[in-house]
Amino acid sequence: ISTSKTGNGNLILNYHTDQPTDGYSLAVAL
């Protein structure tokens, strides 16, 4: 994952995985 901040301080999160993701979710906890 990588992140950058928007103008209002929120995050833009980019993700990449090498596993199949059918039936999966990405959970993001702060």
PDB file of all heavy atoms in Angstrom:
ATOM      1  N   ILE A   1       0.831  -1.196   0.000  1.00  0.00           N
ATOM      2  CA  ILE A   1       0.000   0.000   0.000  1.00  0.00           C
ATOM      3  C   ILE A   1       0.869   1.250   0.000  1.00  0.00           C
ATOM      4  O   ILE A   1       2.021   1.228   0.425  1.00  0.00           O
ATOM      5  CB  ILE A   1      -0.951   0.049   1.226  1.00  0.00           C
ATOM      6  CG1 ILE A   1      -0.150   0.044   2.529  1.00  0.00           C
ATOM      7  CG2 ILE A   1      -1.961  -1.086   1.188  1.00  0.00           C
ATOM      8  CD1 ILE A   1      -1.017   0.211   3.784  1.00  0.00           C
ATOM      9  N   SER A   2       0.298   2.316  -0.498  1.00  0.00           N
ATOM     10  CA  SER A   2       0.932   3.625  -0.405  1.00  0.00           C
ATOM     11  C   SER A   2      -0.167   4.652  -0.226  1.00  0.00           C
ATOM     12  O   SER A   2      -1.320   4.430  -0.627  1.00  0.00           O
ATOM     13  CB  SER A   2       1.754   3.939  -1.662  1.00  0.00           C
ATOM     14  OG  SER A   2       0.925   4.007  -2.801  1.00  0.00           O
ATOM     15  N   THR A   3       0.146   5.760   0.396  1.00  0.00           N
ATOM     16  CA  THR A   3      -0.858   6.786   0.644  1.00  0.00           C
ATOM     17  C   THR A   3      -0.319   8.166   0.302  1.00  0.00           C
ATOM     18  O   THR A   3       0.880   8.418   0.330  1.00  0.00           O
ATOM     19  CB  THR A   3      -1.308   6.812   2.122  1.00  0.00           C
ATOM     20  OG1 THR A   3      -0.190   7.166   2.942  1.00  0.00           O
ATOM     21  CG2 THR A   3      -1.880   5.483   2.564  1.00  0.00           C
ATOM     22  N   SER A   4      -1.239   9.043   0.009  1.00  0.00           N
ATOM     23  CA  SER A   4      -0.945  10.467  -0.107  1.00  0.00           C
ATOM     24  C   SER A   4      -2.155  11.203   0.443  1.00  0.00           C
ATOM     25  O   SER A   4      -3.256  10.647   0.520  1.00  0.00           O
ATOM     26  CB  SER A   4      -0.674  10.857  -1.558  1.00  0.00           C
ATOM     27  OG  SER A   4      -1.793  10.548  -2.370  1.00  0.00           O
ATOM     28  N   LYS A   5      -1.961  12.440   0.844  1.00  0.00           N
ATOM     29  CA  LYS A   5      -3.045  13.208   1.460  1.00  0.00           C
ATOM     30  C   LYS A   5      -3.718  14.120   0.438  1.00  0.00           C
ATOM     31  O   LYS A   5      -3.085  14.645  -0.463  1.00  0.00           O
ATOM     32  CB  LYS A   5      -2.521  14.025   2.634  1.00  0.00           C
ATOM     33  CG  LYS A   5      -2.170  13.185   3.851  1.00  0.00           C
ATOM     34  CD  LYS A   5      -1.835  14.054   5.046  1.00  0.00           C
ATOM     35  CE  LYS A   5      -1.565  13.194   6.274  1.00  0.00           C
ATOM     36  NZ  LYS A   5      -1.247  14.020   7.458  1.00  0.00           N
ATOM     37  N   THR A   6      -5.015  14.278   0.608  1.00  0.00           N
ATOM     38  CA  THR A   6      -5.769  15.203  -0.230  1.00  0.00           C
ATOM     39  C   THR A   6      -5.687  16.591   0.378  1.00  0.00           C
ATOM     40  O   THR A   6      -5.138  16.791   1.461  1.00  0.00           O
ATOM     41  CB  THR A   6      -7.238  14.766  -0.332  1.00  0.00           C
ATOM     42  OG1 THR A   6      -7.832  14.836   0.976  1.00  0.00           O
ATOM     43  CG2 THR A   6      -7.342  13.343  -0.847  1.00  0.00           C
ATOM     44  N   GLY A   7      -6.277  17.547  -0.306  1.00  0.00           N
ATOM     45  CA  GLY A   7      -6.243  18.922   0.192  1.00  0.00           C
ATOM     46  C   GLY A   7      -6.965  19.117   1.505  1.00  0.00           C
ATOM     47  O   GLY A   7      -6.610  19.981   2.299  1.00  0.00           O
ATOM     48  N   ASN A   8      -7.983  18.270   1.768  1.00  0.00           N
ATOM     49  CA  ASN A   8      -8.734  18.405   3.018  1.00  0.00           C
ATOM     50  C   ASN A   8      -8.185  17.518   4.134  1.00  0.00           C
ATOM     51  O   ASN A   8      -8.807  17.354   5.175  1.00  0.00           O
ATOM     52  CB  ASN A   8     -10.216  18.095   2.780  1.00  0.00           C
ATOM     53  CG  ASN A   8     -10.432  16.705   2.223  1.00  0.00           C
ATOM     54  OD1 ASN A   8      -9.495  15.905   2.118  1.00  0.00           O
ATOM     55  ND2 ASN A   8     -11.662  16.401   1.852  1.00  0.00           N
ATOM     56  N   GLY A   9      -7.008  16.898   3.903  1.00  0.00           N
ATOM     57  CA  GLY A   9      -6.373  16.112   4.954  1.00  0.00           C
ATOM     58  C   GLY A   9      -6.728  14.646   4.961  1.00  0.00           C
ATOM     59  O   GLY A   9      -6.171  13.880   5.754  1.00  0.00           O
ATOM     60  N   ASN A  10      -7.651  14.214   4.099  1.00  0.00           N
ATOM     61  CA  ASN A  10      -7.979  12.799   4.018  1.00  0.00           C
ATOM     62  C   ASN A  10      -6.894  12.044   3.258  1.00  0.00           C
ATOM     63  O   ASN A  10      -6.013  12.650   2.648  1.00  0.00           O
ATOM     64  CB  ASN A  10      -9.334  12.608   3.338  1.00  0.00           C
ATOM     65  CG  ASN A  10     -10.475  13.133   4.193  1.00  0.00           C
ATOM     66  OD1 ASN A  10     -10.351  13.241   5.411  1.00  0.00           O
ATOM     67  ND2 ASN A  10     -11.584  13.474   3.556  1.00  0.00           N
ATOM     68  N   LEU A  11      -6.987  10.708   3.275  1.00  0.00           N
ATOM     69  CA  LEU A  11      -5.966   9.882   2.642  1.00  0.00           C
ATOM     70  C   LEU A  11      -6.473   9.261   1.345  1.00  0.00           C
ATOM     71  O   LEU A  11      -7.634   8.858   1.245  1.00  0.00           O
ATOM     72  CB  LEU A  11      -5.534   8.750   3.579  1.00  0.00           C
ATOM     73  CG  LEU A  11      -4.727   9.110   4.814  1.00  0.00           C
ATOM     74  CD1 LEU A  11      -4.472   7.854   5.639  1.00  0.00           C
ATOM     75  CD2 LEU A  11      -3.411   9.767   4.446  1.00  0.00           C
ATOM     76  N   ILE A  12      -5.591   9.191   0.371  1.00  0.00           N
ATOM     77  CA  ILE A  12      -5.810   8.377  -0.818  1.00  0.00           C
ATOM     78  C   ILE A  12      -4.897   7.169  -0.674  1.00  0.00           C
ATOM     79  O   ILE A  12      -3.673   7.314  -0.620  1.00  0.00           O
ATOM     80  CB  ILE A  12      -5.475   9.150  -2.100  1.00  0.00           C
ATOM     81  CG1 ILE A  12      -6.403  10.355  -2.259  1.00  0.00           C
ATOM     82  CG2 ILE A  12      -5.602   8.224  -3.314  1.00  0.00           C
ATOM     83  CD1 ILE A  12      -6.056  11.230  -3.439  1.00  0.00           C
ATOM     84  N   LEU A  13      -5.479   5.988  -0.586  1.00  0.00           N
ATOM     85  CA  LEU A  13      -4.711   4.765  -0.374  1.00  0.00           C
ATOM     86  C   LEU A  13      -4.703   3.949  -1.659  1.00  0.00           C
ATOM     87  O   LEU A  13      -5.750   3.607  -2.203  1.00  0.00           O
ATOM     88  CB  LEU A  13      -5.301   3.958   0.777  1.00  0.00           C
ATOM     89  CG  LEU A  13      -4.523   2.696   1.186  1.00  0.00           C
ATOM     90  CD1 LEU A  13      -4.614   2.478   2.689  1.00  0.00           C
ATOM     91  CD2 LEU A  13      -5.047   1.455   0.457  1.00  0.00           C
ATOM     92  N   ASN A  14      -3.504   3.642  -2.130  1.00  0.00           N
ATOM     93  CA  ASN A  14      -3.322   2.763  -3.282  1.00  0.00           C
ATOM     94  C   ASN A  14      -2.910   1.379  -2.781  1.00  0.00           C
ATOM     95  O   ASN A  14      -2.026   1.279  -1.921  1.00  0.00           O
ATOM     96  CB  ASN A  14      -2.240   3.311  -4.209  1.00  0.00           C
ATOM     97  CG  ASN A  14      -2.554   4.721  -4.683  1.00  0.00           C
ATOM     98  OD1 ASN A  14      -3.546   4.947  -5.360  1.00  0.00           O
ATOM     99  ND2 ASN A  14      -1.716   5.668  -4.306  1.00  0.00           N
ATOM    100  N   TYR A  15      -3.532   0.337  -3.308  1.00  0.00           N
ATOM    101  CA  TYR A  15      -3.202  -1.011  -2.857  1.00  0.00           C
ATOM    102  C   TYR A  15      -2.865  -1.908  -4.049  1.00  0.00           C
ATOM    103  O   TYR A  15      -3.313  -1.694  -5.172  1.00  0.00           O
ATOM    104  CB  TYR A  15      -4.368  -1.619  -2.072  1.00  0.00           C
ATOM    105  CG  TYR A  15      -5.580  -1.944  -2.915  1.00  0.00           C
ATOM    106  CD1 TYR A  15      -5.710  -3.191  -3.530  1.00  0.00           C
ATOM    107  CD2 TYR A  15      -6.600  -1.009  -3.110  1.00  0.00           C
ATOM    108  CE1 TYR A  15      -6.803  -3.493  -4.315  1.00  0.00           C
ATOM    109  CE2 TYR A  15      -7.700  -1.291  -3.901  1.00  0.00           C
ATOM    110  CZ  TYR A  15      -7.799  -2.541  -4.500  1.00  0.00           C
ATOM    111  OH  TYR A  15      -8.884  -2.826  -5.293  1.00  0.00           O
ATOM    112  N   HIS A  16      -2.062  -2.924  -3.775  1.00  0.00           N
ATOM    113  CA  HIS A  16      -1.752  -3.963  -4.766  1.00  0.00           C
ATOM    114  C   HIS A  16      -1.502  -5.267  -4.027  1.00  0.00           C
ATOM    115  O   HIS A  16      -0.836  -5.290  -2.989  1.00  0.00           O
ATOM    116  CB  HIS A  16      -0.511  -3.611  -5.591  1.00  0.00           C
ATOM    117  CG  HIS A  16      -0.085  -4.723  -6.501  1.00  0.00           C
ATOM    118  ND1 HIS A  16      -0.752  -5.018  -7.673  1.00  0.00           N
ATOM    119  CD2 HIS A  16       0.912  -5.641  -6.393  1.00  0.00           C
ATOM    120  CE1 HIS A  16      -0.175  -6.061  -8.258  1.00  0.00           C
ATOM    121  NE2 HIS A  16       0.841  -6.460  -7.500  1.00  0.00           N
ATOM    122  N   THR A  17      -2.042  -6.349  -4.559  1.00  0.00           N
ATOM    123  CA  THR A  17      -1.813  -7.670  -3.980  1.00  0.00           C
ATOM    124  C   THR A  17      -1.570  -8.676  -5.086  1.00  0.00           C
ATOM    125  O   THR A  17      -2.039  -8.498  -6.219  1.00  0.00           O
ATOM    126  CB  THR A  17      -3.004  -8.125  -3.107  1.00  0.00           C
ATOM    127  OG1 THR A  17      -2.717  -9.416  -2.566  1.00  0.00           O
ATOM    128  CG2 THR A  17      -4.287  -8.200  -3.915  1.00  0.00           C
ATOM    129  N   ASP A  18      -0.839  -9.727  -4.770  1.00  0.00           N
ATOM    130  CA  ASP A  18      -0.560 -10.772  -5.745  1.00  0.00           C
ATOM    131  C   ASP A  18      -1.459 -11.988  -5.560  1.00  0.00           C
ATOM    132  O   ASP A  18      -1.276 -13.009  -6.219  1.00  0.00           O
ATOM    133  CB  ASP A  18       0.908 -11.189  -5.674  1.00  0.00           C
ATOM    134  CG  ASP A  18       1.301 -11.748  -4.305  1.00  0.00           C
ATOM    135  OD1 ASP A  18       0.460 -11.724  -3.386  1.00  0.00           O
ATOM    136  OD2 ASP A  18       2.451 -12.197  -4.149  1.00  0.00           O
ATOM    137  N   GLN A  19      -2.452 -11.910  -4.676  1.00  0.00           N
ATOM    138  CA  GLN A  19      -3.350 -13.035  -4.460  1.00  0.00           C
ATOM    139  C   GLN A  19      -4.705 -12.756  -5.115  1.00  0.00           C
ATOM    140  O   GLN A  19      -5.089 -11.600  -5.307  1.00  0.00           O
ATOM    141  CB  GLN A  19      -3.543 -13.291  -2.962  1.00  0.00           C
ATOM    142  CG  GLN A  19      -4.444 -12.270  -2.264  1.00  0.00           C
ATOM    143  CD  GLN A  19      -4.977 -12.773  -0.934  1.00  0.00           C
ATOM    144  OE1 GLN A  19      -4.229 -12.949   0.003  1.00  0.00           O
ATOM    145  NE2 GLN A  19      -6.285 -12.989  -0.865  1.00  0.00           N
ATOM    146  N   PRO A  20      -5.455 -13.800  -5.474  1.00  0.00           N
ATOM    147  CA  PRO A  20      -6.807 -13.595  -6.011  1.00  0.00           C
ATOM    148  C   PRO A  20      -7.685 -12.906  -4.965  1.00  0.00           C
ATOM    149  O   PRO A  20      -7.572 -13.195  -3.771  1.00  0.00           O
ATOM    150  CB  PRO A  20      -7.292 -15.017  -6.302  1.00  0.00           C
ATOM    151  CG  PRO A  20      -6.051 -15.839  -6.421  1.00  0.00           C
ATOM    152  CD  PRO A  20      -5.062 -15.227  -5.474  1.00  0.00           C
ATOM    153  N   THR A  21      -8.552 -12.023  -5.399  1.00  0.00           N
ATOM    154  CA  THR A  21      -9.370 -11.263  -4.440  1.00  0.00           C
ATOM    155  C   THR A  21     -10.872 -11.460  -4.629  1.00  0.00           C
ATOM    156  O   THR A  21     -11.657 -10.713  -4.055  1.00  0.00           O
ATOM    157  CB  THR A  21      -9.042  -9.760  -4.532  1.00  0.00           C
ATOM    158  OG1 THR A  21      -9.390  -9.278  -5.842  1.00  0.00           O
ATOM    159  CG2 THR A  21      -7.578  -9.495  -4.253  1.00  0.00           C
ATOM    160  N   ASP A  22     -11.266 -12.435  -5.421  1.00  0.00           N
ATOM    161  CA  ASP A  22     -12.694 -12.750  -5.505  1.00  0.00           C
ATOM    162  C   ASP A  22     -13.162 -13.210  -4.127  1.00  0.00           C
ATOM    163  O   ASP A  22     -12.591 -14.123  -3.538  1.00  0.00           O
ATOM    164  CB  ASP A  22     -12.946 -13.857  -6.529  1.00  0.00           C
ATOM    165  CG  ASP A  22     -12.843 -13.349  -7.955  1.00  0.00           C
ATOM    166  OD1 ASP A  22     -13.294 -12.227  -8.207  1.00  0.00           O
ATOM    167  OD2 ASP A  22     -12.288 -14.074  -8.801  1.00  0.00           O
ATOM    168  N   GLY A  23     -14.217 -12.577  -3.595  1.00  0.00           N
ATOM    169  CA  GLY A  23     -14.709 -12.944  -2.273  1.00  0.00           C
ATOM    170  C   GLY A  23     -13.925 -12.345  -1.130  1.00  0.00           C
ATOM    171  O   GLY A  23     -14.072 -12.780   0.011  1.00  0.00           O
ATOM    172  N   TYR A  24     -13.103 -11.335  -1.419  1.00  0.00           N
ATOM    173  CA  TYR A  24     -12.297 -10.695  -0.389  1.00  0.00           C
ATOM    174  C   TYR A  24     -12.615  -9.211  -0.266  1.00  0.00           C
ATOM    175  O   TYR A  24     -13.097  -8.578  -1.209  1.00  0.00           O
ATOM    176  CB  TYR A  24     -10.801 -10.844  -0.689  1.00  0.00           C
ATOM    177  CG  TYR A  24     -10.223 -12.164  -0.254  1.00  0.00           C
ATOM    178  CD1 TYR A  24     -10.370 -13.295  -1.042  1.00  0.00           C
ATOM    179  CD2 TYR A  24      -9.542 -12.284   0.954  1.00  0.00           C
ATOM    180  CE1 TYR A  24      -9.852 -14.514  -0.652  1.00  0.00           C
ATOM    181  CE2 TYR A  24      -9.020 -13.505   1.353  1.00  0.00           C
ATOM    182  CZ  TYR A  24      -9.181 -14.609   0.548  1.00  0.00           C
ATOM    183  OH  TYR A  24      -8.673 -15.817   0.952  1.00  0.00           O
ATOM    184  N   SER A  25     -12.323  -8.676   0.908  1.00  0.00           N
ATOM    185  CA  SER A  25     -12.425  -7.235   1.151  1.00  0.00           C
ATOM    186  C   SER A  25     -11.093  -6.717   1.645  1.00  0.00           C
ATOM    187  O   SER A  25     -10.304  -7.459   2.243  1.00  0.00           O
ATOM    188  CB  SER A  25     -13.512  -6.923   2.191  1.00  0.00           C
ATOM    189  OG  SER A  25     -14.803  -7.183   1.676  1.00  0.00           O
ATOM    190  N   LEU A  26     -10.852  -5.441   1.391  1.00  0.00           N
ATOM    191  CA  LEU A  26      -9.708  -4.745   1.968  1.00  0.00           C
ATOM    192  C   LEU A  26     -10.216  -3.949   3.163  1.00  0.00           C
ATOM    193  O   LEU A  26     -11.095  -3.097   3.027  1.00  0.00           O
ATOM    194  CB  LEU A  26      -9.083  -3.799   0.941  1.00  0.00           C
ATOM    195  CG  LEU A  26      -7.963  -2.901   1.459  1.00  0.00           C
ATOM    196  CD1 LEU A  26      -6.721  -3.718   1.794  1.00  0.00           C
ATOM    197  CD2 LEU A  26      -7.622  -1.800   0.451  1.00  0.00           C
ATOM    198  N   ALA A  27      -9.694  -4.256   4.337  1.00  0.00           N
ATOM    199  CA  ALA A  27     -10.058  -3.523   5.559  1.00  0.00           C
ATOM    200  C   ALA A  27      -8.946  -2.541   5.886  1.00  0.00           C
ATOM    201  O   ALA A  27      -7.761  -2.901   5.836  1.00  0.00           O
ATOM    202  CB  ALA A  27     -10.277  -4.486   6.717  1.00  0.00           C
ATOM    203  N   VAL A  28      -9.322  -1.322   6.202  1.00  0.00           N
ATOM    204  CA  VAL A  28      -8.362  -0.269   6.529  1.00  0.00           C
ATOM    205  C   VAL A  28      -8.731   0.323   7.881  1.00  0.00           C
ATOM    206  O   VAL A  28      -9.803   0.922   8.031  1.00  0.00           O
ATOM    207  CB  VAL A  28      -8.352   0.842   5.452  1.00  0.00           C
ATOM    208  CG1 VAL A  28      -7.325   1.904   5.794  1.00  0.00           C
ATOM    209  CG2 VAL A  28      -8.080   0.257   4.079  1.00  0.00           C
ATOM    210  N   ALA A  29      -7.871   0.122   8.876  1.00  0.00           N
ATOM    211  CA  ALA A  29      -8.127   0.612  10.230  1.00  0.00           C
ATOM    212  C   ALA A  29      -7.169   1.748  10.549  1.00  0.00           C
ATOM    213  O   ALA A  29      -5.967   1.639  10.323  1.00  0.00           O
ATOM    214  CB  ALA A  29      -7.970  -0.513  11.246  1.00  0.00           C
ATOM    215  N   LEU A  30      -7.700   2.842  11.078  1.00  0.00           N
ATOM    216  CA  LEU A  30      -6.887   3.943  11.563  1.00  0.00           C
ATOM    217  C   LEU A  30      -6.753   3.814  13.072  1.00  0.00           C
ATOM    218  O   LEU A  30      -7.726   3.525  13.775  1.00  0.00           O
ATOM    219  CB  LEU A  30      -7.515   5.286  11.198  1.00  0.00           C
ATOM    220  CG  LEU A  30      -7.642   5.566   9.691  1.00  0.00           C
ATOM    221  CD1 LEU A  30      -8.230   6.954   9.461  1.00  0.00           C
ATOM    222  CD2 LEU A  30      -6.308   5.422   8.985  1.00  0.00           C
TER     223      LEU A  30
END
